[in-house]
Amino acid sequence: MVSEAEQRGANAIVAMGFDTSAIGPNWTEICAYGTAVFAIPLSHNEPGALER
């Protein structure tokens, strides 16, 4: 998932989810998904920026 996001120009993945389901007695399906984004840090004086 990370390499797919990077190939699309993203530097972060948000709203990541992870699902599993059984397929018969011996198999499990695993699905991971998220939204690839390009995040830009806020400077300290911008509204919404957190102080550390």
C-alpha atoms as a PDB file:
ATOM      1  CA  MET A   1       0.000   0.000   0.000  1.00  0.00           C
ATOM      2  CA  VAL A   2       2.838   2.389   0.832  1.00  0.00           C
ATOM      3  CA  SER A   3       4.559   1.855  -2.511  1.00  0.00           C
ATOM      4  CA  GLU A   4       1.257   2.389  -4.374  1.00  0.00           C
ATOM      5  CA  ALA A   5       0.697   5.642  -2.486  1.00  0.00           C
ATOM      6  CA  GLU A   6       4.259   6.826  -3.173  1.00  0.00           C
ATOM      7  CA  GLN A   7       3.893   6.038  -6.888  1.00  0.00           C
ATOM      8  CA  ARG A   8       0.848   8.316  -6.927  1.00  0.00           C
ATOM      9  CA  GLY A   9       2.755  11.182  -5.293  1.00  0.00           C
ATOM     10  CA  ALA A  10       1.397  10.727  -1.775  1.00  0.00           C
ATOM     11  CA  ASN A  11       3.427  11.102   1.401  1.00  0.00           C
ATOM     12  CA  ALA A  12       0.811   9.774   3.838  1.00  0.00           C
ATOM     13  CA  ILE A  13      -2.090   7.328   4.106  1.00  0.00           C
ATOM     14  CA  VAL A  14      -5.156   8.312   6.142  1.00  0.00           C
ATOM     15  CA  ALA A  15      -8.379   6.531   7.130  1.00  0.00           C
ATOM     16  CA  MET A  16      -6.664   3.158   6.937  1.00  0.00           C
ATOM     17  CA  GLY A  17      -8.853   0.101   7.344  1.00  0.00           C
ATOM     18  CA  PHE A  18      -8.182  -3.599   7.686  1.00  0.00           C
ATOM     19  CA  ASP A  19     -10.729  -6.370   7.070  1.00  0.00           C
ATOM     20  CA  THR A  20     -10.499 -10.149   7.239  1.00  0.00           C
ATOM     21  CA  SER A  21     -12.926 -12.901   6.344  1.00  0.00           C
ATOM     22  CA  ALA A  22     -12.752 -16.678   6.338  1.00  0.00           C
ATOM     23  CA  ILE A  23     -12.915 -18.503   3.013  1.00  0.00           C
ATOM     24  CA  GLY A  24     -13.565 -22.083   3.983  1.00  0.00           C
ATOM     25  CA  PRO A  25     -11.769 -23.820   6.854  1.00  0.00           C
ATOM     26  CA  ASN A  26      -8.192 -23.211   5.641  1.00  0.00           C
ATOM     27  CA  TRP A  27      -8.125 -19.803   3.930  1.00  0.00           C
ATOM     28  CA  THR A  28      -8.430 -16.227   5.138  1.00  0.00           C
ATOM     29  CA  GLU A  29      -8.937 -13.172   2.955  1.00  0.00           C
ATOM     30  CA  ILE A  30      -7.133 -10.039   4.174  1.00  0.00           C
ATOM     31  CA  CYS A  31      -7.869  -6.572   2.796  1.00  0.00           C
ATOM     32  CA  ALA A  32      -6.063  -3.364   3.795  1.00  0.00           C
ATOM     33  CA  TYR A  33      -7.175  -0.020   2.397  1.00  0.00           C
ATOM     34  CA  GLY A  34      -6.700   3.686   2.950  1.00  0.00           C
ATOM     35  CA  THR A  35      -6.687   7.065   1.258  1.00  0.00           C
ATOM     36  CA  ALA A  36      -3.381   8.286  -0.188  1.00  0.00           C
ATOM     37  CA  VAL A  37      -2.792  12.004   0.440  1.00  0.00           C
ATOM     38  CA  PHE A  38      -0.069  14.618   0.069  1.00  0.00           C
ATOM     39  CA  ALA A  39       0.163  16.236   3.504  1.00  0.00           C
ATOM     40  CA  ILE A  40       1.696  19.697   3.931  1.00  0.00           C
ATOM     41  CA  PRO A  41       2.739  20.659   7.481  1.00  0.00           C
ATOM     42  CA  LEU A  42       1.267  23.886   8.857  1.00  0.00           C
ATOM     43  CA  SER A  43       3.621  26.541  10.161  1.00  0.00           C
ATOM     44  CA  HIS A  44       3.208  27.355  13.859  1.00  0.00           C
ATOM     45  CA  ASN A  45       1.327  30.613  13.208  1.00  0.00           C
ATOM     46  CA  GLU A  46      -1.333  29.123  10.886  1.00  0.00           C
ATOM     47  CA  PRO A  47      -4.827  28.437  12.265  1.00  0.00           C
ATOM     48  CA  GLY A  48      -5.195  24.780  13.228  1.00  0.00           C
ATOM     49  CA  ALA A  49      -1.473  24.218  13.870  1.00  0.00           C
ATOM     50  CA  LEU A  50      -0.656  22.432  17.112  1.00  0.00           C
ATOM     51  CA  GLU A  51       1.964  23.847  19.429  1.00  0.00           C
ATOM     52  CA  ARG A  52       4.560  21.405  20.743  1.00  0.00           C
END
